C-alpha atoms as a PDB file:
ATOM      1  CA  UNK A   1      79.133  94.406 106.464  1.00  0.00           C
ATOM      2  CA  UNK A   2      79.649  97.833 104.955  1.00  0.00           C
ATOM      3  CA  UNK A   3      81.114  98.056 101.471  1.00  0.00           C
ATOM      4  CA  UNK A   4      82.368 101.312 100.005  1.00  0.00           C
ATOM      5  CA  UNK A   5      82.920 101.678  96.268  1.00  0.00           C
ATOM      6  CA  UNK A   6      85.740 103.937  95.082  1.00  0.00           C
ATOM      7  CA  UNK A   7      86.032 105.126  91.496  1.00  0.00           C
ATOM      8  CA  UNK A   8      89.151 106.534  89.773  1.00  0.00           C
ATOM      9  CA  UNK A   9      87.258 109.783  89.122  1.00  0.00           C
ATOM     10  CA  UNK A  10      87.331 110.489  92.882  1.00  0.00           C
ATOM     11  CA  UNK A  11      91.116 110.940  92.686  1.00  0.00           C
ATOM     12  CA  UNK A  12      91.614 112.267  89.123  1.00  0.00           C
ATOM     13  CA  UNK A  13      93.369 115.645  88.939  1.00  0.00           C
ATOM     14  CA  UNK A  14      91.742 116.369  85.563  1.00  0.00           C
ATOM     15  CA  UNK A  15      88.290 116.437  87.191  1.00  0.00           C
ATOM     16  CA  UNK A  16      86.622 119.237  89.119  1.00  0.00           C
ATOM     17  CA  UNK A  17      84.590 118.635  92.258  1.00  0.00           C
ATOM     18  CA  UNK A  18      81.424 119.000  90.160  1.00  0.00           C
ATOM     19  CA  UNK A  19      82.672 116.313  87.765  1.00  0.00           C
ATOM     20  CA  UNK A  20      83.220 113.866  90.616  1.00  0.00           C
ATOM     21  CA  UNK A  21      86.620 114.471  92.218  1.00  0.00           C
ATOM     22  CA  UNK A  22      86.315 113.949  95.982  1.00  0.00           C
ATOM     23  CA  UNK A  23      89.824 114.837  97.172  1.00  0.00           C
ATOM     24  CA  UNK A  24      91.524 118.244  97.283  1.00  0.00           C
ATOM     25  CA  UNK A  25      93.601 119.167  94.236  1.00  0.00           C
ATOM     26  CA  UNK A  26      96.844 118.628  96.149  1.00  0.00           C
ATOM     27  CA  UNK A  27      95.885 114.966  96.780  1.00  0.00           C
ATOM     28  CA  UNK A  28      94.582 114.308  93.255  1.00  0.00           C
ATOM     29  CA  UNK A  29      96.740 112.419  90.722  1.00  0.00           C
ATOM     30  CA  UNK A  30      96.709 112.185  86.954  1.00  0.00           C
ATOM     31  CA  UNK A  31      94.689 109.262  85.558  1.00  0.00           C
ATOM     32  CA  UNK A  32      94.620 106.978  88.614  1.00  0.00           C
ATOM     33  CA  UNK A  33      94.084 103.262  87.953  1.00  0.00           C
ATOM     34  CA  UNK A  34      92.020 100.786  89.943  1.00  0.00           C
ATOM     35  CA  UNK A  35      95.239  98.854  90.656  1.00  0.00           C
ATOM     36  CA  UNK A  36      96.810 101.928  92.292  1.00  0.00           C
ATOM     37  CA  UNK A  37      93.638 102.622  94.249  1.00  0.00           C
ATOM     38  CA  UNK A  38      93.453  99.006  95.469  1.00  0.00           C
ATOM     39  CA  UNK A  39      97.109  99.147  96.550  1.00  0.00           C
ATOM     40  CA  UNK A  40      96.452 102.402  98.445  1.00  0.00           C
ATOM     41  CA  UNK A  41      93.384 100.865 100.125  1.00  0.00           C
ATOM     42  CA  UNK A  42      95.494  97.940 101.318  1.00  0.00           C
ATOM     43  CA  UNK A  43      98.141 100.373 102.630  1.00  0.00           C
ATOM     44  CA  UNK A  44      95.424 102.091 104.664  1.00  0.00           C
ATOM     45  CA  UNK A  45      94.522  98.698 106.127  1.00  0.00           C
ATOM     46  CA  UNK A  46      91.361  97.527 104.377  1.00  0.00           C
ATOM     47  CA  UNK A  47      90.521  94.736 101.957  1.00  0.00           C
ATOM     48  CA  UNK A  48      90.035  95.746  98.323  1.00  0.00           C
ATOM     49  CA  UNK A  49      88.373  93.964  95.422  1.00  0.00           C
ATOM     50  CA  UNK A  50      88.804  95.326  91.895  1.00  0.00           C
ATOM     51  CA  UNK A  51      85.822  95.339  89.526  1.00  0.00           C
ATOM     52  CA  UNK A  52      87.270  96.227  86.120  1.00  0.00           C
ATOM     53  CA  UNK A  53      83.983  96.389  84.162  1.00  0.00           C
ATOM     54  CA  UNK A  54      82.280  99.074  86.278  1.00  0.00           C
ATOM     55  CA  UNK A  55      81.634 102.623  85.079  1.00  0.00           C
ATOM     56  CA  UNK A  56      81.272 105.722  87.264  1.00  0.00           C
ATOM     57  CA  UNK A  57      77.840 107.284  86.724  1.00  0.00           C
ATOM     58  CA  UNK A  58      79.353 110.553  85.444  1.00  0.00           C
ATOM     59  CA  UNK A  59      81.644 108.867  82.886  1.00  0.00           C
ATOM     60  CA  UNK A  60      81.025 107.024  79.631  1.00  0.00           C
ATOM     61  CA  UNK A  61      84.070 104.760  79.490  1.00  0.00           C
ATOM     62  CA  UNK A  62      84.452 101.984  82.079  1.00  0.00           C
ATOM     63  CA  UNK A  63      87.559 102.526  84.222  1.00  0.00           C
ATOM     64  CA  UNK A  64      86.546 100.057  86.905  1.00  0.00           C
ATOM     65  CA  UNK A  65      85.959 100.463  90.612  1.00  0.00           C
ATOM     66  CA  UNK A  66      87.396  99.229  93.889  1.00  0.00           C
ATOM     67  CA  UNK A  67      85.090  97.700  96.494  1.00  0.00           C
ATOM     68  CA  UNK A  68      86.438  98.275 100.004  1.00  0.00           C
ATOM     69  CA  UNK A  69      85.265  96.030 102.842  1.00  0.00           C
ATOM     70  CA  UNK A  70      85.750  96.224 106.590  1.00  0.00           C
ATOM     71  CA  UNK A  71      85.073  99.947 106.859  1.00  0.00           C
ATOM     72  CA  UNK A  72      82.258  99.672 109.416  1.00  0.00           C
ATOM     73  CA  UNK A  73      83.698 102.355 111.705  1.00  0.00           C
ATOM     74  CA  UNK A  74      85.063 104.644 108.961  1.00  0.00           C
ATOM     75  CA  UNK A  75      83.162 107.354 107.096  1.00  0.00           C
ATOM     76  CA  UNK A  76      83.472 107.140 103.323  1.00  0.00           C
ATOM     77  CA  UNK A  77      84.920 110.647 103.102  1.00  0.00           C
ATOM     78  CA  UNK A  78      87.669 109.746 105.607  1.00  0.00           C
ATOM     79  CA  UNK A  79      88.464 106.630 103.580  1.00  0.00           C
ATOM     80  CA  UNK A  80      88.627 108.614 100.318  1.00  0.00           C
ATOM     81  CA  UNK A  81      90.967 111.211 101.869  1.00  0.00           C
ATOM     82  CA  UNK A  82      93.304 108.533 103.294  1.00  0.00           C
ATOM     83  CA  UNK A  83      93.438 106.648  99.993  1.00  0.00           C
ATOM     84  CA  UNK A  84      94.086 109.912  98.147  1.00  0.00           C
ATOM     85  CA  UNK A  85      97.046 110.655 100.420  1.00  0.00           C
ATOM     86  CA  UNK A  86      98.524 107.199  99.750  1.00  0.00           C
ATOM     87  CA  UNK A  87      98.072 107.535  95.988  1.00  0.00           C
ATOM     88  CA  UNK A  88     100.507 110.447  96.039  1.00  0.00           C
ATOM     89  CA  UNK A  89     102.976 108.356  98.046  1.00  0.00           C
ATOM     90  CA  UNK A  90     102.645 105.401  95.649  1.00  0.00           C
ATOM     91  CA  UNK A  91     103.259 107.656  92.655  1.00  0.00           C
ATOM     92  CA  UNK A  92     106.151 109.389  94.380  1.00  0.00           C
ATOM     93  CA  UNK A  93     104.589 112.842  94.025  1.00  0.00           C
END
């Protein structure tokens, strides 16, 4: 089974692409949390497991990660874009 790991940095508006943001600026949000990401993953239709003690390789402080399962037929980039779109909806942006 394929597992994809999503980090808050992928969706953080304060980050550049070089610093780890993986969505366009218009889909990025300010300081996303793993809880918001997990909720967005579930809205997209996948199972999410939060790991609060994980740290993205380009950061020093642990902000956690979200492990997404059941994405066998979905490319990681497509998953990241869909979750990014839902984060904006969840925040009401």
